[in-house]
Amino acid sequence: MVGATSTPTSEDAASQAAELAKALGARLHVVSVVTQRDTTQIHGGGESWVHTSRDEAQQRMSTLRVALGDGFELTTGLVEGSDPAKALCSDAERLGADLIVVGSVRTQGSGRVLGSVATDVIRRAPCSVLVAKTA
């Protein structure tokens, strides 16, 4: 499995996970962590809409599904949580994942001291973790 956000480094990690899945004939589960509190109200023309992080994540999953291409089994999902690492690890455990792929953002320099999603996933993961070089 691989976690996906709207960042280029996350998309790079997903692409690397897809290449690995294709090479191994494995299934890849792409998950995005969303929070309930991320909502935006949009007003215009006498109407209003509510845009949520869930809406954004669903659009991201659709775009990523196309970008990753064919040649392997791909599933996507959304997980609610305020802590991305904890949510990824919980979903990996629920799915019985063999491997979690994460990007290397903030795993060097001050990010190592302050923490990063990758570092937190490594600490909590119920399976092996591959940190893809994305920075």
N, C-alpha and C. Protein backbone atom coordinates (compact mmCIF):
# COMPACT_ATOMS: atom_id res chain seq x y z
N MET A 1 0.84 -1.17 0.00
CA MET A 1 0.00 0.00 0.00
C MET A 1 0.88 1.23 0.00
N VAL A 2 0.29 2.33 -0.46
CA VAL A 2 0.99 3.61 -0.47
C VAL A 2 0.00 4.70 -0.11
N GLY A 3 0.47 5.67 0.67
CA GLY A 3 -0.36 6.81 1.01
C GLY A 3 -0.21 7.88 -0.05
N ALA A 4 -1.31 8.57 -0.34
CA ALA A 4 -1.27 9.61 -1.37
C ALA A 4 -1.85 10.91 -0.86
N THR A 5 -1.15 11.98 -1.14
CA THR A 5 -1.64 13.33 -0.87
C THR A 5 -1.58 14.09 -2.18
N SER A 6 -1.77 15.38 -2.14
CA SER A 6 -1.74 16.17 -3.36
C SER A 6 -0.35 16.70 -3.69
N THR A 7 0.67 16.23 -3.00
CA THR A 7 2.02 16.74 -3.25
C THR A 7 2.73 15.95 -4.35
N PRO A 8 3.63 16.61 -5.07
CA PRO A 8 4.40 15.90 -6.10
C PRO A 8 5.23 14.75 -5.54
N THR A 9 5.76 14.91 -4.31
CA THR A 9 6.56 13.82 -3.73
C THR A 9 5.69 12.61 -3.41
N SER A 10 4.47 12.85 -2.99
CA SER A 10 3.54 11.75 -2.72
C SER A 10 3.20 11.02 -4.02
N GLU A 11 2.97 11.78 -5.07
CA GLU A 11 2.67 11.17 -6.38
C GLU A 11 3.87 10.37 -6.87
N ASP A 12 5.09 10.85 -6.60
CA ASP A 12 6.29 10.12 -6.98
C ASP A 12 6.39 8.80 -6.21
N ALA A 13 6.07 8.84 -4.91
CA ALA A 13 6.08 7.60 -4.11
C ALA A 13 5.05 6.62 -4.65
N ALA A 14 3.86 7.12 -5.01
CA ALA A 14 2.82 6.26 -5.57
C ALA A 14 3.27 5.65 -6.89
N SER A 15 3.94 6.44 -7.70
CA SER A 15 4.44 5.94 -8.99
C SER A 15 5.49 4.84 -8.77
N GLN A 16 6.37 5.04 -7.81
CA GLN A 16 7.38 4.02 -7.50
C GLN A 16 6.72 2.76 -6.96
N ALA A 17 5.69 2.93 -6.13
CA ALA A 17 4.97 1.77 -5.60
C ALA A 17 4.27 1.01 -6.73
N ALA A 18 3.73 1.75 -7.70
CA ALA A 18 3.06 1.12 -8.85
C ALA A 18 4.06 0.33 -9.68
N GLU A 19 5.24 0.88 -9.91
CA GLU A 19 6.26 0.15 -10.67
C GLU A 19 6.67 -1.13 -9.96
N LEU A 20 6.79 -1.06 -8.65
CA LEU A 20 7.14 -2.24 -7.86
C LEU A 20 6.01 -3.28 -7.94
N ALA A 21 4.78 -2.84 -7.82
CA ALA A 21 3.63 -3.75 -7.91
C ALA A 21 3.59 -4.43 -9.28
N LYS A 22 3.83 -3.66 -10.33
CA LYS A 22 3.84 -4.24 -11.69
C LYS A 22 4.93 -5.28 -11.82
N ALA A 23 6.13 -4.95 -11.34
CA ALA A 23 7.26 -5.87 -11.47
C ALA A 23 7.05 -7.16 -10.69
N LEU A 24 6.36 -7.08 -9.56
CA LEU A 24 6.15 -8.25 -8.72
C LEU A 24 4.82 -8.96 -8.98
N GLY A 25 4.00 -8.37 -9.83
CA GLY A 25 2.67 -8.94 -10.05
C GLY A 25 1.80 -8.83 -8.81
N ALA A 26 2.01 -7.76 -8.07
CA ALA A 26 1.29 -7.58 -6.80
C ALA A 26 0.14 -6.59 -6.97
N ARG A 27 -0.73 -6.62 -6.00
CA ARG A 27 -1.84 -5.67 -5.93
C ARG A 27 -1.35 -4.44 -5.17
N LEU A 28 -1.80 -3.25 -5.58
CA LEU A 28 -1.44 -2.02 -4.90
C LEU A 28 -2.69 -1.34 -4.40
N HIS A 29 -2.67 -0.98 -3.12
CA HIS A 29 -3.77 -0.22 -2.52
C HIS A 29 -3.25 1.19 -2.25
N VAL A 30 -3.88 2.18 -2.86
CA VAL A 30 -3.52 3.58 -2.65
C VAL A 30 -4.55 4.18 -1.71
N VAL A 31 -4.08 4.78 -0.63
CA VAL A 31 -4.99 5.32 0.38
C VAL A 31 -4.67 6.79 0.63
N SER A 32 -5.70 7.55 0.86
CA SER A 32 -5.55 8.96 1.22
C SER A 32 -6.22 9.17 2.57
N VAL A 33 -5.54 9.88 3.44
CA VAL A 33 -6.07 10.16 4.78
C VAL A 33 -6.79 11.50 4.73
N VAL A 34 -8.03 11.52 5.19
CA VAL A 34 -8.82 12.74 5.20
C VAL A 34 -9.30 13.03 6.62
N THR A 35 -9.56 14.30 6.88
CA THR A 35 -10.09 14.67 8.18
C THR A 35 -11.47 15.29 8.00
N GLN A 36 -12.33 15.07 8.94
CA GLN A 36 -13.68 15.62 8.89
C GLN A 36 -13.68 17.14 9.04
N ARG A 37 -12.70 17.68 9.72
CA ARG A 37 -12.71 19.12 9.99
C ARG A 37 -12.31 19.97 8.80
N ASP A 38 -11.78 19.38 7.75
CA ASP A 38 -11.35 20.13 6.58
C ASP A 38 -12.51 20.37 5.63
N THR A 39 -13.30 21.40 5.90
CA THR A 39 -14.42 21.75 5.03
C THR A 39 -14.33 23.23 4.67
N THR A 40 -14.78 23.55 3.47
CA THR A 40 -14.79 24.92 3.01
C THR A 40 -16.17 25.21 2.45
N GLN A 41 -16.77 26.32 2.85
CA GLN A 41 -18.05 26.72 2.28
C GLN A 41 -17.77 27.70 1.16
N ILE A 42 -18.42 27.45 0.01
CA ILE A 42 -18.26 28.30 -1.16
C ILE A 42 -19.60 28.92 -1.47
N HIS A 43 -19.61 30.25 -1.59
CA HIS A 43 -20.85 30.98 -1.88
C HIS A 43 -20.71 31.67 -3.22
N GLY A 44 -21.77 31.64 -4.00
CA GLY A 44 -21.74 32.34 -5.28
C GLY A 44 -23.06 32.23 -5.99
N GLY A 45 -23.49 33.30 -6.62
CA GLY A 45 -24.73 33.29 -7.39
C GLY A 45 -25.95 32.92 -6.57
N GLY A 46 -25.96 33.30 -5.30
CA GLY A 46 -27.10 32.98 -4.45
C GLY A 46 -27.14 31.55 -3.96
N GLU A 47 -26.11 30.77 -4.29
CA GLU A 47 -26.05 29.36 -3.85
C GLU A 47 -24.80 29.17 -3.00
N SER A 48 -24.78 28.10 -2.25
CA SER A 48 -23.58 27.77 -1.49
C SER A 48 -23.33 26.27 -1.56
N TRP A 49 -22.06 25.92 -1.52
CA TRP A 49 -21.64 24.53 -1.57
C TRP A 49 -20.65 24.30 -0.44
N VAL A 50 -20.56 23.07 -0.01
CA VAL A 50 -19.56 22.69 0.99
C VAL A 50 -18.57 21.76 0.31
N HIS A 51 -17.32 22.15 0.34
CA HIS A 51 -16.25 21.34 -0.25
C HIS A 51 -15.45 20.74 0.91
N THR A 52 -15.26 19.44 0.90
CA THR A 52 -14.56 18.78 2.00
C THR A 52 -13.24 18.16 1.53
N SER A 53 -12.39 17.83 2.47
CA SER A 53 -11.15 17.14 2.14
C SER A 53 -11.46 15.79 1.50
N ARG A 54 -12.60 15.20 1.85
CA ARG A 54 -13.01 13.93 1.23
C ARG A 54 -13.26 14.12 -0.26
N ASP A 55 -13.92 15.22 -0.64
CA ASP A 55 -14.15 15.51 -2.06
C ASP A 55 -12.83 15.63 -2.81
N GLU A 56 -11.92 16.39 -2.20
CA GLU A 56 -10.61 16.61 -2.80
C GLU A 56 -9.85 15.29 -2.93
N ALA A 57 -9.90 14.47 -1.90
CA ALA A 57 -9.19 13.18 -1.93
C ALA A 57 -9.77 12.24 -2.97
N GLN A 58 -11.10 12.23 -3.13
CA GLN A 58 -11.71 11.38 -4.14
C GLN A 58 -11.28 11.81 -5.54
N GLN A 59 -11.20 13.12 -5.77
CA GLN A 59 -10.73 13.61 -7.06
C GLN A 59 -9.28 13.21 -7.28
N ARG A 60 -8.45 13.34 -6.23
CA ARG A 60 -7.04 12.96 -6.31
C ARG A 60 -6.90 11.48 -6.65
N MET A 61 -7.72 10.64 -6.03
CA MET A 61 -7.65 9.20 -6.30
C MET A 61 -8.00 8.90 -7.76
N SER A 62 -8.99 9.58 -8.30
CA SER A 62 -9.37 9.37 -9.70
C SER A 62 -8.24 9.76 -10.64
N THR A 63 -7.64 10.90 -10.37
CA THR A 63 -6.52 11.38 -11.19
C THR A 63 -5.33 10.44 -11.08
N LEU A 64 -5.02 10.02 -9.88
CA LEU A 64 -3.88 9.14 -9.66
C LEU A 64 -4.09 7.78 -10.30
N ARG A 65 -5.30 7.28 -10.25
CA ARG A 65 -5.62 5.98 -10.87
C ARG A 65 -5.25 6.01 -12.36
N VAL A 66 -5.59 7.08 -13.03
CA VAL A 66 -5.28 7.23 -14.45
C VAL A 66 -3.76 7.37 -14.65
N ALA A 67 -3.12 8.18 -13.82
CA ALA A 67 -1.68 8.43 -13.95
C ALA A 67 -0.84 7.18 -13.73
N LEU A 68 -1.26 6.29 -12.84
CA LEU A 68 -0.48 5.10 -12.53
C LEU A 68 -0.56 4.04 -13.60
N GLY A 69 -1.59 4.12 -14.44
CA GLY A 69 -1.68 3.22 -15.57
C GLY A 69 -2.21 1.83 -15.25
N ASP A 70 -1.99 0.93 -16.20
CA ASP A 70 -2.50 -0.43 -16.12
C ASP A 70 -1.35 -1.41 -15.87
N GLY A 71 -1.69 -2.68 -15.85
CA GLY A 71 -0.68 -3.72 -15.72
C GLY A 71 -0.59 -4.31 -14.33
N PHE A 72 -1.49 -3.91 -13.44
CA PHE A 72 -1.50 -4.46 -12.10
C PHE A 72 -2.85 -4.14 -11.47
N GLU A 73 -3.17 -4.86 -10.40
CA GLU A 73 -4.44 -4.62 -9.71
C GLU A 73 -4.28 -3.43 -8.78
N LEU A 74 -5.14 -2.44 -8.96
CA LEU A 74 -5.06 -1.21 -8.18
C LEU A 74 -6.38 -0.96 -7.47
N THR A 75 -6.32 -0.75 -6.16
CA THR A 75 -7.50 -0.36 -5.40
C THR A 75 -7.18 0.95 -4.69
N THR A 76 -8.21 1.72 -4.42
CA THR A 76 -8.01 2.99 -3.73
C THR A 76 -8.98 3.07 -2.56
N GLY A 77 -8.64 3.90 -1.61
CA GLY A 77 -9.51 4.07 -0.46
C GLY A 77 -9.22 5.35 0.29
N LEU A 78 -10.19 5.76 1.08
CA LEU A 78 -10.05 6.93 1.94
C LEU A 78 -10.14 6.47 3.38
N VAL A 79 -9.28 7.02 4.22
CA VAL A 79 -9.27 6.69 5.64
C VAL A 79 -9.37 7.99 6.42
N GLU A 80 -10.27 8.04 7.38
CA GLU A 80 -10.40 9.24 8.20
C GLU A 80 -9.43 9.18 9.37
N GLY A 81 -8.84 10.34 9.66
CA GLY A 81 -7.95 10.42 10.80
C GLY A 81 -7.20 11.73 10.81
N SER A 82 -6.79 12.15 11.97
CA SER A 82 -6.04 13.40 12.08
C SER A 82 -4.53 13.16 12.08
N ASP A 83 -4.11 11.92 12.26
CA ASP A 83 -2.70 11.55 12.26
C ASP A 83 -2.46 10.63 11.06
N PRO A 84 -1.84 11.15 9.98
CA PRO A 84 -1.66 10.35 8.76
C PRO A 84 -0.92 9.03 8.99
N ALA A 85 0.15 9.05 9.77
CA ALA A 85 0.93 7.82 10.00
C ALA A 85 0.09 6.77 10.72
N LYS A 86 -0.62 7.19 11.74
CA LYS A 86 -1.46 6.25 12.49
C LYS A 86 -2.56 5.68 11.60
N ALA A 87 -3.18 6.54 10.78
CA ALA A 87 -4.24 6.08 9.88
C ALA A 87 -3.71 5.12 8.83
N LEU A 88 -2.54 5.41 8.26
CA LEU A 88 -1.94 4.51 7.27
C LEU A 88 -1.63 3.15 7.88
N CYS A 89 -1.05 3.16 9.07
CA CYS A 89 -0.69 1.90 9.72
C CYS A 89 -1.92 1.10 10.12
N SER A 90 -2.96 1.76 10.57
CA SER A 90 -4.20 1.06 10.92
C SER A 90 -4.82 0.43 9.68
N ASP A 91 -4.81 1.17 8.57
CA ASP A 91 -5.38 0.62 7.34
C ASP A 91 -4.53 -0.53 6.82
N ALA A 92 -3.22 -0.42 6.95
CA ALA A 92 -2.33 -1.51 6.52
C ALA A 92 -2.62 -2.77 7.32
N GLU A 93 -2.84 -2.59 8.61
CA GLU A 93 -3.16 -3.74 9.46
C GLU A 93 -4.51 -4.35 9.07
N ARG A 94 -5.50 -3.48 8.84
CA ARG A 94 -6.84 -3.95 8.44
C ARG A 94 -6.78 -4.73 7.13
N LEU A 95 -5.96 -4.26 6.20
CA LEU A 95 -5.85 -4.91 4.88
C LEU A 95 -4.92 -6.13 4.88
N GLY A 96 -4.10 -6.24 5.91
CA GLY A 96 -3.09 -7.31 5.91
C GLY A 96 -1.99 -7.01 4.90
N ALA A 97 -1.63 -5.74 4.77
CA ALA A 97 -0.62 -5.32 3.80
C ALA A 97 0.74 -5.94 4.13
N ASP A 98 1.49 -6.26 3.08
CA ASP A 98 2.84 -6.79 3.25
C ASP A 98 3.89 -5.69 3.27
N LEU A 99 3.55 -4.53 2.69
CA LEU A 99 4.52 -3.45 2.54
C LEU A 99 3.79 -2.11 2.48
N ILE A 100 4.34 -1.12 3.15
CA ILE A 100 3.85 0.26 3.05
C ILE A 100 4.96 1.06 2.37
N VAL A 101 4.61 1.78 1.31
CA VAL A 101 5.56 2.66 0.64
C VAL A 101 5.24 4.09 1.04
N VAL A 102 6.25 4.82 1.49
CA VAL A 102 6.09 6.23 1.86
C VAL A 102 7.20 7.03 1.20
N GLY A 103 6.95 8.32 1.02
CA GLY A 103 7.96 9.21 0.46
C GLY A 103 8.96 9.63 1.51
N SER A 104 10.07 10.21 1.04
CA SER A 104 11.17 10.55 1.96
C SER A 104 11.15 12.01 2.41
N VAL A 105 10.05 12.70 2.24
CA VAL A 105 9.98 14.10 2.64
C VAL A 105 10.23 14.23 4.14
N ARG A 106 11.08 15.17 4.52
CA ARG A 106 11.41 15.49 5.91
C ARG A 106 12.04 14.34 6.69
N THR A 107 12.70 13.41 5.97
CA THR A 107 13.40 12.35 6.69
C THR A 107 14.88 12.66 6.82
N GLN A 108 15.27 13.85 6.34
CA GLN A 108 16.67 14.26 6.44
C GLN A 108 16.73 15.59 7.16
N GLY A 109 17.90 15.96 7.63
CA GLY A 109 18.08 17.25 8.28
C GLY A 109 17.18 17.42 9.49
N SER A 110 16.59 18.63 9.63
CA SER A 110 15.76 18.93 10.79
C SER A 110 14.51 18.08 10.84
N GLY A 111 14.04 17.59 9.69
CA GLY A 111 12.86 16.74 9.66
C GLY A 111 13.04 15.46 10.45
N ARG A 112 14.28 14.96 10.49
CA ARG A 112 14.55 13.75 11.27
C ARG A 112 14.32 14.00 12.75
N VAL A 113 14.69 15.18 13.20
CA VAL A 113 14.54 15.52 14.61
C VAL A 113 13.08 15.84 14.93
N LEU A 114 12.44 16.61 14.06
CA LEU A 114 11.08 17.06 14.30
C LEU A 114 10.04 15.99 13.96
N GLY A 115 10.44 15.04 13.14
CA GLY A 115 9.52 13.97 12.78
C GLY A 115 8.97 14.14 11.38
N SER A 116 8.46 13.07 10.85
CA SER A 116 7.85 13.07 9.54
C SER A 116 6.87 11.91 9.50
N VAL A 117 5.99 11.94 8.51
CA VAL A 117 5.05 10.83 8.36
C VAL A 117 5.82 9.53 8.14
N ALA A 118 6.85 9.57 7.29
CA ALA A 118 7.64 8.36 7.02
C ALA A 118 8.25 7.79 8.30
N THR A 119 8.83 8.66 9.11
CA THR A 119 9.45 8.20 10.35
C THR A 119 8.41 7.60 11.29
N ASP A 120 7.25 8.25 11.38
CA ASP A 120 6.19 7.73 12.24
C ASP A 120 5.64 6.41 11.73
N VAL A 121 5.53 6.26 10.40
CA VAL A 121 5.07 4.99 9.83
C VAL A 121 6.05 3.88 10.16
N ILE A 122 7.34 4.16 10.01
CA ILE A 122 8.36 3.16 10.32
C ILE A 122 8.22 2.68 11.76
N ARG A 123 7.96 3.59 12.68
CA ARG A 123 7.82 3.24 14.10
C ARG A 123 6.58 2.40 14.38
N ARG A 124 5.49 2.67 13.65
CA ARG A 124 4.20 2.05 13.97
C ARG A 124 3.78 0.89 13.07
N ALA A 125 4.42 0.73 11.95
CA ALA A 125 3.93 -0.18 10.91
C ALA A 125 3.82 -1.63 11.36
N PRO A 126 2.74 -2.30 10.94
CA PRO A 126 2.56 -3.71 11.25
C PRO A 126 3.27 -4.61 10.21
N CYS A 127 3.97 -3.97 9.26
CA CYS A 127 4.65 -4.73 8.18
C CYS A 127 5.90 -3.96 7.77
N SER A 128 6.57 -4.42 6.74
CA SER A 128 7.77 -3.74 6.25
C SER A 128 7.39 -2.39 5.64
N VAL A 129 8.36 -1.47 5.64
CA VAL A 129 8.15 -0.13 5.09
C VAL A 129 9.28 0.16 4.10
N LEU A 130 8.92 0.66 2.94
CA LEU A 130 9.90 1.10 1.95
C LEU A 130 9.80 2.61 1.86
N VAL A 131 10.91 3.30 2.14
CA VAL A 131 10.93 4.75 2.01
C VAL A 131 11.49 5.07 0.63
N ALA A 132 10.62 5.54 -0.25
CA ALA A 132 11.00 5.86 -1.62
C ALA A 132 11.69 7.20 -1.65
N LYS A 133 12.80 7.30 -2.35
CA LYS A 133 13.51 8.57 -2.44
C LYS A 133 12.70 9.50 -3.35
N THR A 134 12.12 10.52 -2.73
CA THR A 134 11.27 11.43 -3.48
C THR A 134 11.71 12.88 -3.33
N ALA A 135 12.68 13.14 -2.47
CA ALA A 135 13.11 14.53 -2.24
C ALA A 135 14.39 14.82 -2.99
